[in-house]
C-alpha atoms as a PDB file:
ATOM      1  CA  MET A   1       0.000   0.000   0.000  1.00  0.00           C
ATOM      2  CA  GLU A   2       1.179   3.546  -0.622  1.00  0.00           C
ATOM      3  CA  SER A   3       3.111   4.717   2.397  1.00  0.00           C
ATOM      4  CA  SER A   4       4.492   7.901   3.870  1.00  0.00           C
ATOM      5  CA  PRO A   5       6.504  10.396   1.807  1.00  0.00           C
ATOM      6  CA  GLU A   6      10.216   9.694   1.777  1.00  0.00           C
ATOM      7  CA  LYS A   7      12.406  12.183   3.614  1.00  0.00           C
ATOM      8  CA  GLU A   8      16.052  12.883   2.967  1.00  0.00           C
ATOM      9  CA  TYR A   9      18.341  11.176   5.462  1.00  0.00           C
ATOM     10  CA  LEU A  10      21.494  12.745   6.880  1.00  0.00           C
ATOM     11  CA  CYS A  11      23.741  10.451   8.903  1.00  0.00           C
ATOM     12  CA  THR A  12      24.720  11.911  12.289  1.00  0.00           C
ATOM     13  CA  LEU A  13      27.002   9.077  13.407  1.00  0.00           C
ATOM     14  CA  THR A  14      30.609   9.843  14.282  1.00  0.00           C
ATOM     15  CA  PRO A  15      33.360   7.970  12.408  1.00  0.00           C
ATOM     16  CA  GLU A  16      33.799   5.762  15.484  1.00  0.00           C
ATOM     17  CA  LEU A  17      30.103   4.878  15.585  1.00  0.00           C
ATOM     18  CA  ILE A  18      30.069   4.204  11.839  1.00  0.00           C
ATOM     19  CA  LYS A  19      32.821   1.635  12.414  1.00  0.00           C
ATOM     20  CA  LYS A  20      30.925   0.150  15.355  1.00  0.00           C
ATOM     21  CA  ALA A  21      27.724  -0.094  13.323  1.00  0.00           C
ATOM     22  CA  GLU A  22      29.591  -1.894  10.565  1.00  0.00           C
ATOM     23  CA  LYS A  23      31.212  -4.345  12.989  1.00  0.00           C
ATOM     24  CA  GLU A  24      28.202  -5.075  15.197  1.00  0.00           C
ATOM     25  CA  LEU A  25      25.210  -4.357  12.955  1.00  0.00           C
ATOM     26  CA  ASN A  26      26.532  -5.158   9.477  1.00  0.00           C
ATOM     27  CA  GLU A  27      25.736  -1.585   8.413  1.00  0.00           C
ATOM     28  CA  LYS A  28      27.863  -0.482   5.504  1.00  0.00           C
ATOM     29  CA  PRO A  29      27.545   3.185   4.444  1.00  0.00           C
ATOM     30  CA  GLN A  30      27.954   2.264   0.774  1.00  0.00           C
ATOM     31  CA  TRP A  31      25.047  -0.197   1.051  1.00  0.00           C
ATOM     32  CA  ARG A  32      22.804   1.855   3.320  1.00  0.00           C
ATOM     33  CA  GLU A  33      20.650   3.358   0.576  1.00  0.00           C
ATOM     34  CA  ARG A  34      20.197  -0.047  -1.053  1.00  0.00           C
ATOM     35  CA  ASP A  35      19.262  -1.684   2.254  1.00  0.00           C
ATOM     36  CA  ILE A  36      16.715   0.986   3.125  1.00  0.00           C
ATOM     37  CA  GLN A  37      15.139   0.677  -0.309  1.00  0.00           C
ATOM     38  CA  ALA A  38      14.942  -3.111   0.035  1.00  0.00           C
ATOM     39  CA  LEU A  39      12.994  -2.784   3.279  1.00  0.00           C
ATOM     40  CA  ARG A  40      10.848  -0.011   1.793  1.00  0.00           C
ATOM     41  CA  ASP A  41       9.920  -2.267  -1.127  1.00  0.00           C
ATOM     42  CA  MET A  42       8.820  -4.990   1.289  1.00  0.00           C
ATOM     43  CA  VAL A  43       6.679  -2.527   3.250  1.00  0.00           C
ATOM     44  CA  ASN A  44       5.102  -1.049   0.122  1.00  0.00           C
ATOM     45  CA  LYS A  45       3.983  -4.510  -0.979  1.00  0.00           C
ATOM     46  CA  GLN A  46       2.146  -5.048   2.298  1.00  0.00           C
ATOM     47  CA  GLN A  47      -1.583  -4.722   1.771  1.00  0.00           C
ATOM     48  CA  ASP A  48      -3.714  -2.758   4.241  1.00  0.00           C
ATOM     49  CA  LEU A  49      -0.714  -1.163   5.934  1.00  0.00           C
ATOM     50  CA  PHE A  50      -0.081   2.552   5.766  1.00  0.00           C
ATOM     51  CA  ALA A  51       3.407   2.893   7.220  1.00  0.00           C
ATOM     52  CA  ARG A  52       6.161   5.412   7.547  1.00  0.00           C
ATOM     53  CA  THR A  53       8.824   4.621   4.973  1.00  0.00           C
ATOM     54  CA  ASP A  54      11.216   7.531   5.342  1.00  0.00           C
ATOM     55  CA  ASP A  55      14.878   6.584   5.610  1.00  0.00           C
ATOM     56  CA  ALA A  56      15.352   7.516   9.274  1.00  0.00           C
ATOM     57  CA  PHE A  57      12.357   5.448  10.380  1.00  0.00           C
ATOM     58  CA  LEU A  58      13.286   2.338   8.409  1.00  0.00           C
ATOM     59  CA  LEU A  59      16.897   2.544   9.587  1.00  0.00           C
ATOM     60  CA  ARG A  60      15.760   2.025  13.178  1.00  0.00           C
ATOM     61  CA  PHE A  61      14.359  -1.374  12.270  1.00  0.00           C
ATOM     62  CA  LEU A  62      17.325  -2.388  10.143  1.00  0.00           C
ATOM     63  CA  ARG A  63      19.771  -1.523  12.920  1.00  0.00           C
ATOM     64  CA  ALA A  64      17.679  -3.270  15.560  1.00  0.00           C
ATOM     65  CA  ARG A  65      17.849  -6.481  13.508  1.00  0.00           C
ATOM     66  CA  LYS A  66      21.427  -6.117  12.213  1.00  0.00           C
ATOM     67  CA  PHE A  67      20.356  -5.358   8.643  1.00  0.00           C
ATOM     68  CA  ASP A  68      18.624  -8.684   8.162  1.00  0.00           C
ATOM     69  CA  TYR A  69      15.819  -7.563   5.853  1.00  0.00           C
ATOM     70  CA  ASP A  70      13.271 -10.186   6.846  1.00  0.00           C
ATOM     71  CA  ARG A  71      13.783  -9.752  10.575  1.00  0.00           C
ATOM     72  CA  ALA A  72      13.615  -5.955  10.221  1.00  0.00           C
ATOM     73  CA  PHE A  73      10.390  -6.346   8.240  1.00  0.00           C
ATOM     74  CA  SER A  74       8.998  -8.697  10.880  1.00  0.00           C
ATOM     75  CA  LEU A  75       9.831  -6.177  13.598  1.00  0.00           C
ATOM     76  CA  LEU A  76       8.146  -3.357  11.689  1.00  0.00           C
ATOM     77  CA  LEU A  77       4.998  -5.433  11.177  1.00  0.00           C
ATOM     78  CA  ASN A  78       4.971  -6.332  14.866  1.00  0.00           C
ATOM     79  CA  PHE A  79       5.331  -2.651  15.748  1.00  0.00           C
ATOM     80  CA  TYR A  80       2.194  -1.727  13.814  1.00  0.00           C
ATOM     81  CA  ARG A  81       0.392  -4.906  14.852  1.00  0.00           C
ATOM     82  CA  MET A  82       0.987  -4.040  18.506  1.00  0.00           C
ATOM     83  CA  LYS A  83      -0.738  -0.707  17.967  1.00  0.00           C
ATOM     84  CA  ALA A  84      -3.609  -2.293  16.031  1.00  0.00           C
ATOM     85  CA  GLU A  85      -4.253  -4.918  18.717  1.00  0.00           C
ATOM     86  CA  ASN A  86      -4.178  -2.366  21.527  1.00  0.00           C
ATOM     87  CA  LYS A  87      -6.196   0.489  20.107  1.00  0.00           C
ATOM     88  CA  ASP A  88      -7.550   1.339  23.546  1.00  0.00           C
ATOM     89  CA  LEU A  89      -3.984   2.025  24.712  1.00  0.00           C
ATOM     90  CA  PHE A  90      -2.775   3.917  21.673  1.00  0.00           C
ATOM     91  CA  VAL A  91      -5.793   6.053  20.864  1.00  0.00           C
ATOM     92  CA  ASP A  92      -4.810   9.686  21.371  1.00  0.00           C
ATOM     93  CA  LEU A  93      -1.505   8.586  22.935  1.00  0.00           C
ATOM     94  CA  LYS A  94       0.825  11.571  23.224  1.00  0.00           C
ATOM     95  CA  PRO A  95       2.902  13.102  26.030  1.00  0.00           C
ATOM     96  CA  SER A  96       0.109  15.317  27.343  1.00  0.00           C
ATOM     97  CA  THR A  97      -2.176  12.317  27.930  1.00  0.00           C
ATOM     98  CA  ILE A  98       0.391  10.601  30.168  1.00  0.00           C
ATOM     99  CA  GLN A  99       1.919  13.688  31.761  1.00  0.00           C
ATOM    100  CA  HIS A 100       0.705  12.557  35.191  1.00  0.00           C
ATOM    101  CA  VAL A 101       3.094   9.593  34.881  1.00  0.00           C
ATOM    102  CA  LEU A 102       5.924  11.791  33.599  1.00  0.00           C
ATOM    103  CA  ARG A 103       5.451  14.165  36.550  1.00  0.00           C
ATOM    104  CA  SER A 104       5.601  11.274  39.016  1.00  0.00           C
ATOM    105  CA  GLY A 105       9.250  10.638  38.128  1.00  0.00           C
ATOM    106  CA  LEU A 106       8.436   6.962  37.783  1.00  0.00           C
ATOM    107  CA  LEU A 107      10.153   6.628  34.411  1.00  0.00           C
ATOM    108  CA  THR A 108      12.998   8.913  33.332  1.00  0.00           C
ATOM    109  CA  ALA A 109      16.267   8.875  31.396  1.00  0.00           C
ATOM    110  CA  LEU A 110      19.630  10.162  32.556  1.00  0.00           C
ATOM    111  CA  GLU A 111      21.094  13.091  30.669  1.00  0.00           C
ATOM    112  CA  HIS A 112      24.416  11.309  30.170  1.00  0.00           C
ATOM    113  CA  ARG A 113      25.239   7.854  28.815  1.00  0.00           C
ATOM    114  CA  ASP A 114      26.942   4.844  30.342  1.00  0.00           C
ATOM    115  CA  ARG A 115      30.557   3.846  29.712  1.00  0.00           C
ATOM    116  CA  GLU A 116      29.579   2.118  26.453  1.00  0.00           C
ATOM    117  CA  GLY A 117      27.655   5.094  25.109  1.00  0.00           C
ATOM    118  CA  ARG A 118      24.274   3.559  25.872  1.00  0.00           C
ATOM    119  CA  LYS A 119      21.268   5.597  26.945  1.00  0.00           C
ATOM    120  CA  VAL A 120      20.236   4.989  30.567  1.00  0.00           C
ATOM    121  CA  ILE A 121      16.568   4.675  31.541  1.00  0.00           C
ATOM    122  CA  VAL A 122      15.605   4.734  35.217  1.00  0.00           C
ATOM    123  CA  LEU A 123      12.396   3.022  36.353  1.00  0.00           C
ATOM    124  CA  LYS A 124      11.150   3.584  39.914  1.00  0.00           C
ATOM    125  CA  PRO A 125       7.987   1.491  40.346  1.00  0.00           C
ATOM    126  CA  GLY A 126       7.960   2.327  44.056  1.00  0.00           C
ATOM    127  CA  ARG A 127       6.627   5.739  43.062  1.00  0.00           C
ATOM    128  CA  TRP A 128       3.526   4.164  41.557  1.00  0.00           C
ATOM    129  CA  ASN A 129       0.351   4.229  43.578  1.00  0.00           C
ATOM    130  CA  PRO A 130      -2.192   1.893  41.920  1.00  0.00           C
ATOM    131  CA  GLU A 131      -4.987   4.062  43.264  1.00  0.00           C
ATOM    132  CA  THR A 132      -3.620   7.114  41.458  1.00  0.00           C
ATOM    133  CA  PHE A 133      -3.397   5.804  37.888  1.00  0.00           C
ATOM    134  CA  PRO A 134      -3.804   2.390  36.201  1.00  0.00           C
ATOM    135  CA  LEU A 135      -0.941   0.033  35.459  1.00  0.00           C
ATOM    136  CA  PHE A 136      -1.222   0.421  31.707  1.00  0.00           C
ATOM    137  CA  ASP A 137      -0.481   4.132  31.938  1.00  0.00           C
ATOM    138  CA  MET A 138       3.070   2.945  32.635  1.00  0.00           C
ATOM    139  CA  TYR A 139       2.951   0.901  29.429  1.00  0.00           C
ATOM    140  CA  LYS A 140       1.903   4.000  27.497  1.00  0.00           C
ATOM    141  CA  THR A 141       4.713   5.982  29.085  1.00  0.00           C
ATOM    142  CA  TRP A 142       7.272   3.332  28.117  1.00  0.00           C
ATOM    143  CA  PHE A 143       6.109   3.684  24.524  1.00  0.00           C
ATOM    144  CA  VAL A 144       6.259   7.480  24.499  1.00  0.00           C
ATOM    145  CA  ILE A 145       9.715   7.670  26.074  1.00  0.00           C
ATOM    146  CA  LEU A 146      11.228   4.913  23.947  1.00  0.00           C
ATOM    147  CA  SER A 147       9.761   6.502  20.822  1.00  0.00           C
ATOM    148  CA  LYS A 148      11.698   9.690  21.489  1.00  0.00           C
ATOM    149  CA  LEU A 149      14.925   8.104  22.715  1.00  0.00           C
ATOM    150  CA  ILE A 150      15.222   5.783  19.726  1.00  0.00           C
ATOM    151  CA  GLU A 151      15.198   8.703  17.297  1.00  0.00           C
ATOM    152  CA  ASP A 152      18.814   9.326  18.264  1.00  0.00           C
ATOM    153  CA  GLU A 153      21.208   7.432  15.988  1.00  0.00           C
ATOM    154  CA  GLU A 154      23.803   7.005  18.725  1.00  0.00           C
ATOM    155  CA  THR A 155      21.166   5.223  20.791  1.00  0.00           C
ATOM    156  CA  GLN A 156      20.184   3.059  17.825  1.00  0.00           C
ATOM    157  CA  VAL A 157      23.766   1.825  17.527  1.00  0.00           C
ATOM    158  CA  ASN A 158      24.849   1.665  21.179  1.00  0.00           C
ATOM    159  CA  GLY A 159      21.529   0.635  22.667  1.00  0.00           C
ATOM    160  CA  ILE A 160      19.808   1.207  25.996  1.00  0.00           C
ATOM    161  CA  ILE A 161      20.248  -0.033  29.560  1.00  0.00           C
ATOM    162  CA  THR A 162      17.703   0.210  32.352  1.00  0.00           C
ATOM    163  CA  ILE A 163      18.231   0.858  36.051  1.00  0.00           C
ATOM    164  CA  MET A 164      15.342  -0.875  37.795  1.00  0.00           C
ATOM    165  CA  ASP A 165      15.262   0.915  41.145  1.00  0.00           C
ATOM    166  CA  LEU A 166      12.922  -1.080  43.395  1.00  0.00           C
ATOM    167  CA  LYS A 167      13.198   1.185  46.413  1.00  0.00           C
ATOM    168  CA  ASP A 168       9.843   1.512  48.225  1.00  0.00           C
ATOM    169  CA  VAL A 169       8.261  -1.296  46.187  1.00  0.00           C
ATOM    170  CA  GLY A 170       5.868  -3.187  48.439  1.00  0.00           C
ATOM    171  CA  TRP A 171       2.944  -5.555  48.317  1.00  0.00           C
ATOM    172  CA  VAL A 172       0.707  -2.787  46.971  1.00  0.00           C
ATOM    173  CA  GLN A 173       2.684  -2.705  43.726  1.00  0.00           C
ATOM    174  CA  VAL A 174       3.386  -6.450  43.603  1.00  0.00           C
ATOM    175  CA  ARG A 175      -0.291  -7.375  43.935  1.00  0.00           C
ATOM    176  CA  ALA A 176      -1.167  -4.948  41.135  1.00  0.00           C
ATOM    177  CA  LEU A 177       1.416  -6.379  38.708  1.00  0.00           C
ATOM    178  CA  SER A 178      -0.266  -9.006  36.557  1.00  0.00           C
ATOM    179  CA  PRO A 179       1.343 -11.575  34.216  1.00  0.00           C
ATOM    180  CA  PHE A 180      -0.812 -10.066  31.464  1.00  0.00           C
ATOM    181  CA  TYR A 181       0.870  -6.688  31.924  1.00  0.00           C
ATOM    182  CA  ALA A 182       4.347  -8.230  32.228  1.00  0.00           C
ATOM    183  CA  LYS A 183       3.831 -10.069  28.945  1.00  0.00           C
ATOM    184  CA  LYS A 184       2.606  -6.910  27.213  1.00  0.00           C
ATOM    185  CA  VAL A 185       5.621  -4.832  28.248  1.00  0.00           C
ATOM    186  CA  THR A 186       8.247  -7.499  27.569  1.00  0.00           C
ATOM    187  CA  SER A 187       6.665  -8.229  24.190  1.00  0.00           C
ATOM    188  CA  MET A 188       6.746  -4.555  23.258  1.00  0.00           C
ATOM    189  CA  ILE A 189      10.424  -4.214  24.139  1.00  0.00           C
ATOM    190  CA  GLN A 190      11.640  -7.567  22.819  1.00  0.00           C
ATOM    191  CA  GLU A 191       9.449  -8.156  19.762  1.00  0.00           C
ATOM    192  CA  CYS A 192       7.850  -4.895  18.662  1.00  0.00           C
ATOM    193  CA  PHE A 193      10.175  -1.979  19.272  1.00  0.00           C
ATOM    194  CA  PRO A 194      13.318  -1.124  17.264  1.00  0.00           C
ATOM    195  CA  LEU A 195      15.821  -0.912  20.081  1.00  0.00           C
ATOM    196  CA  ARG A 196      18.831  -2.776  21.447  1.00  0.00           C
ATOM    197  CA  LEU A 197      18.289  -3.572  25.125  1.00  0.00           C
ATOM    198  CA  LYS A 198      21.805  -4.163  26.410  1.00  0.00           C
ATOM    199  CA  GLY A 199      21.262  -4.575  30.137  1.00  0.00           C
ATOM    200  CA  ILE A 200      18.901  -4.306  33.125  1.00  0.00           C
ATOM    201  CA  HIS A 201      20.330  -3.399  36.525  1.00  0.00           C
ATOM    202  CA  TYR A 202      18.215  -4.171  39.588  1.00  0.00           C
ATOM    203  CA  ILE A 203      18.926  -2.229  42.768  1.00  0.00           C
ATOM    204  CA  HIS A 204      17.165  -2.045  46.142  1.00  0.00           C
ATOM    205  CA  GLU A 205      15.463  -5.392  45.561  1.00  0.00           C
ATOM    206  CA  PRO A 206      12.769  -5.874  48.240  1.00  0.00           C
ATOM    207  CA  SER A 207      12.236  -9.001  50.340  1.00  0.00           C
ATOM    208  CA  MET A 208       9.466 -10.196  48.024  1.00  0.00           C
ATOM    209  CA  PHE A 209      11.647  -9.776  44.925  1.00  0.00           C
ATOM    210  CA  ASP A 210      11.527 -13.483  44.056  1.00  0.00           C
ATOM    211  CA  ILE A 211       7.758 -13.271  43.787  1.00  0.00           C
ATOM    212  CA  LEU A 212       7.967 -10.091  41.731  1.00  0.00           C
ATOM    213  CA  PHE A 213      10.611 -11.501  39.397  1.00  0.00           C
ATOM    214  CA  SER A 214       8.685 -14.753  38.935  1.00  0.00           C
ATOM    215  CA  ILE A 215       5.922 -12.756  37.251  1.00  0.00           C
ATOM    216  CA  VAL A 216       8.284 -11.296  34.655  1.00  0.00           C
ATOM    217  CA  ARG A 217      10.865 -14.070  34.153  1.00  0.00           C
ATOM    218  CA  PRO A 218       8.715 -16.397  31.967  1.00  0.00           C
ATOM    219  CA  PHE A 219       8.435 -13.721  29.295  1.00  0.00           C
ATOM    220  CA  LEU A 220      12.127 -12.831  29.023  1.00  0.00           C
ATOM    221  CA  LYS A 221      14.282 -14.213  26.246  1.00  0.00           C
ATOM    222  CA  GLU A 222      17.410 -16.018  27.382  1.00  0.00           C
ATOM    223  CA  LYS A 223      19.485 -13.352  25.671  1.00  0.00           C
ATOM    224  CA  ILE A 224      17.942 -10.744  27.966  1.00  0.00           C
ATOM    225  CA  VAL A 225      18.242 -12.948  31.049  1.00  0.00           C
ATOM    226  CA  LYS A 226      21.994 -13.068  30.476  1.00  0.00           C
ATOM    227  CA  ARG A 227      22.029  -9.265  30.594  1.00  0.00           C
ATOM    228  CA  LEU A 228      20.403  -8.975  34.018  1.00  0.00           C
ATOM    229  CA  HIS A 229      22.448  -7.620  36.928  1.00  0.00           C
ATOM    230  CA  PHE A 230      21.358  -7.760  40.575  1.00  0.00           C
ATOM    231  CA  HIS A 231      23.084  -5.253  42.871  1.00  0.00           C
ATOM    232  CA  GLY A 232      20.959  -5.316  46.029  1.00  0.00           C
ATOM    233  CA  GLN A 233      21.652  -2.263  48.212  1.00  0.00           C
ATOM    234  CA  ASN A 234      25.107  -1.729  46.687  1.00  0.00           C
ATOM    235  CA  VAL A 235      24.248   1.165  44.368  1.00  0.00           C
ATOM    236  CA  SER A 236      27.959   1.872  43.876  1.00  0.00           C
ATOM    237  CA  ALA A 237      28.078  -1.345  41.828  1.00  0.00           C
ATOM    238  CA  LEU A 238      26.485   0.722  39.070  1.00  0.00           C
ATOM    239  CA  HIS A 239      29.751   2.650  38.733  1.00  0.00           C
ATOM    240  CA  GLU A 240      31.282  -0.237  36.810  1.00  0.00           C
ATOM    241  CA  PHE A 241      28.775   0.494  34.071  1.00  0.00           C
ATOM    242  CA  VAL A 242      27.961   4.188  34.475  1.00  0.00           C
ATOM    243  CA  SER A 243      30.558   6.717  35.595  1.00  0.00           C
ATOM    244  CA  PRO A 244      29.734   8.437  38.932  1.00  0.00           C
ATOM    245  CA  GLU A 245      30.153  11.724  37.056  1.00  0.00           C
ATOM    246  CA  ASN A 246      27.074  10.761  35.048  1.00  0.00           C
ATOM    247  CA  LEU A 247      24.949   9.461  37.937  1.00  0.00           C
ATOM    248  CA  PRO A 248      22.758  11.371  40.408  1.00  0.00           C
ATOM    249  CA  GLU A 249      23.688  11.556  44.091  1.00  0.00           C
ATOM    250  CA  GLU A 250      21.138   8.891  45.052  1.00  0.00           C
ATOM    251  CA  TYR A 251      23.360   6.364  43.240  1.00  0.00           C
ATOM    252  CA  ASN A 252      26.530   7.745  44.829  1.00  0.00           C
ATOM    253  CA  GLY A 253      27.144   9.940  41.818  1.00  0.00           C
ATOM    254  CA  VAL A 254      27.844  13.652  41.663  1.00  0.00           C
ATOM    255  CA  LEU A 255      24.831  14.991  39.762  1.00  0.00           C
ATOM    256  CA  LYS A 256      21.661  16.459  41.204  1.00  0.00           C
ATOM    257  CA  GLU A 257      18.417  14.560  40.765  1.00  0.00           C
ATOM    258  CA  ILE A 258      16.695  14.988  37.431  1.00  0.00           C
ATOM    259  CA  ASP A 259      14.423  18.018  37.194  1.00  0.00           C
ATOM    260  CA  ILE A 260      11.093  16.228  36.758  1.00  0.00           C
ATOM    261  CA  GLU A 261       9.240  19.396  35.799  1.00  0.00           C
ATOM    262  CA  ALA A 262      11.728  20.202  33.023  1.00  0.00           C
ATOM    263  CA  TRP A 263      11.699  16.540  31.939  1.00  0.00           C
ATOM    264  CA  THR A 264       7.917  16.620  31.611  1.00  0.00           C
ATOM    265  CA  GLU A 265       7.734  19.988  29.857  1.00  0.00           C
ATOM    266  CA  ASN A 266      10.309  18.833  27.318  1.00  0.00           C
ATOM    267  CA  PHE A 267       8.106  15.890  26.330  1.00  0.00           C
ATOM    268  CA  LEU A 268       4.973  18.013  26.109  1.00  0.00           C
ATOM    269  CA  LYS A 269       6.552  19.821  23.174  1.00  0.00           C
ATOM    270  CA  TYR A 270       6.147  16.694  21.054  1.00  0.00           C
ATOM    271  CA  ASP A 271       2.379  16.296  21.116  1.00  0.00           C
ATOM    272  CA  ALA A 272       2.049  17.291  17.460  1.00  0.00           C
ATOM    273  CA  GLN A 273       4.680  14.760  16.435  1.00  0.00           C
ATOM    274  CA  PHE A 274       2.792  11.928  18.121  1.00  0.00           C
ATOM    275  CA  GLU A 275      -0.490  13.134  16.612  1.00  0.00           C
ATOM    276  CA  GLU A 276       1.145  12.842  13.176  1.00  0.00           C
ATOM    277  CA  GLU A 277       1.783   9.157  13.912  1.00  0.00           C
ATOM    278  CA  PHE A 278      -1.939   8.497  14.458  1.00  0.00           C
ATOM    279  CA  LYS A 279      -2.538   8.173  10.714  1.00  0.00           C
ATOM    280  CA  TYR A 280      -0.154   5.239  10.268  1.00  0.00           C
ATOM    281  CA  GLY A 281      -0.940   1.591  10.840  1.00  0.00           C
ATOM    282  CA  PHE A 282      -3.003  -1.393   9.737  1.00  0.00           C
ATOM    283  CA  LYS A 283      -6.449  -0.591   8.467  1.00  0.00           C
ATOM    284  CA  LYS A 284      -7.893  -3.882   9.726  1.00  0.00           C
ATOM    285  CA  LEU A 285      -6.875  -5.914  12.761  1.00  0.00           C
ATOM    286  CA  GLN A 286      -7.539  -9.138  10.832  1.00  0.00           C
ATOM    287  CA  GLN A 287      -4.892  -8.161   8.300  1.00  0.00           C
ATOM    288  CA  ALA A 288      -2.486  -7.250  11.086  1.00  0.00           C
ATOM    289  CA  ASN A 289      -2.862 -10.724  12.575  1.00  0.00           C
ATOM    290  CA  LYS A 290      -2.135 -12.343   9.241  1.00  0.00           C
ATOM    291  CA  SER A 291       0.880 -10.156   8.592  1.00  0.00           C
ATOM    292  CA  VAL A 292       3.030 -10.824  11.634  1.00  0.00           C
ATOM    293  CA  ILE A 293       6.096 -12.940  10.905  1.00  0.00           C
ATOM    294  CA  LYS A 294       7.094 -15.182  13.788  1.00  0.00           C
ATOM    295  CA  GLU A 295      10.673 -15.657  14.925  1.00  0.00           C
ATOM    296  CA  ASP A 296      11.896 -18.950  16.335  1.00  0.00           C
ATOM    297  CA  ALA A 297      13.822 -19.444  19.579  1.00  0.00           C
ATOM    298  CA  THR A 298      17.074 -18.311  17.986  1.00  0.00           C
ATOM    299  CA  GLY A 299      15.506 -15.062  16.844  1.00  0.00           C
ATOM    300  CA  GLU A 300      15.508 -16.086  13.184  1.00  0.00           C
ATOM    301  CA  CYS A 301      12.614 -15.136  10.977  1.00  0.00           C
ATOM    302  CA  LEU A 302      10.814 -18.321   9.918  1.00  0.00           C
ATOM    303  CA  MET A 303      10.614 -17.225   6.292  1.00  0.00           C
ATOM    304  CA  GLY A 304      14.394 -16.889   5.971  1.00  0.00           C
ATOM    305  CA  THR A 305      16.878 -14.059   5.757  1.00  0.00           C
ATOM    306  CA  TYR A 306      18.732 -11.978   3.206  1.00  0.00           C
ATOM    307  CA  ARG A 307      21.689 -10.860   5.276  1.00  0.00           C
ATOM    308  CA  LYS A 308      22.742 -11.999   8.710  1.00  0.00           C
ATOM    309  CA  LEU A 309      25.617 -11.195  11.049  1.00  0.00           C
ATOM    310  CA  GLU A 310      26.221 -13.075  14.285  1.00  0.00           C
ATOM    311  CA  VAL A 311      27.459 -10.141  16.370  1.00  0.00           C
ATOM    312  CA  ASP A 312      25.581  -9.299  19.555  1.00  0.00           C
END
């Protein structure tokens, strides 16, 4: 189906990141235009899907799947299928509709990166009061924040890590966390979103952590499980991964806490951008269900691949 107008792409990667992208993602500057066009051709042949096909958008999916055309195409279909299957969550979804979550400081991102150049997200579920807003408002906020962070090409190449700060998490939050929600969030991050999740760092794990983790663990791929780090109360253990100069004081760093008001106001500027995204997607849910391409346990697309590089 006819898709979005193509926009001119200008690479913002440094020479060092270009080399890293070639080594780890099989991205070759001399092939980039060809690769983008190959994915665009696949998308344009997809019936009942009105998708963005500008270079910058398609590159996110190619990089997230190491320039394997079929797997990038599968990821893109899953991205739009996720939105089609959850219309109640995505209708009118923009920063202003989840600003109450942004203002809570529950989900933020550090200004500076970790030692590997990866963007650092901080999740503080202990700040969530189930009586204040529903669980799936967190899901919406994940989507909004990731959507903005992944626009950055450095983040596309280096990836993202998450600090899961469980301070003040109690039975109120644990009882409200359902397997259904855990599956939805892990599916979004692992199967539907064009990002490289390179690590999750748990700190301040509560006494009931085993129960909490047992809800999430069944939905995590083994690749992600190998990237989990458990630090307990030793927040200084984060310094091996993120320099203290780039961490707030609460993690024995030198920076002040993030300005939540400024963080929220910055996101509110992007309402119009998210509204522009409303027009894209599958026209019929039935077609979306038929269009998803499953990956097997190794992460390989079941219909085969064009290019593949075994670099994690």
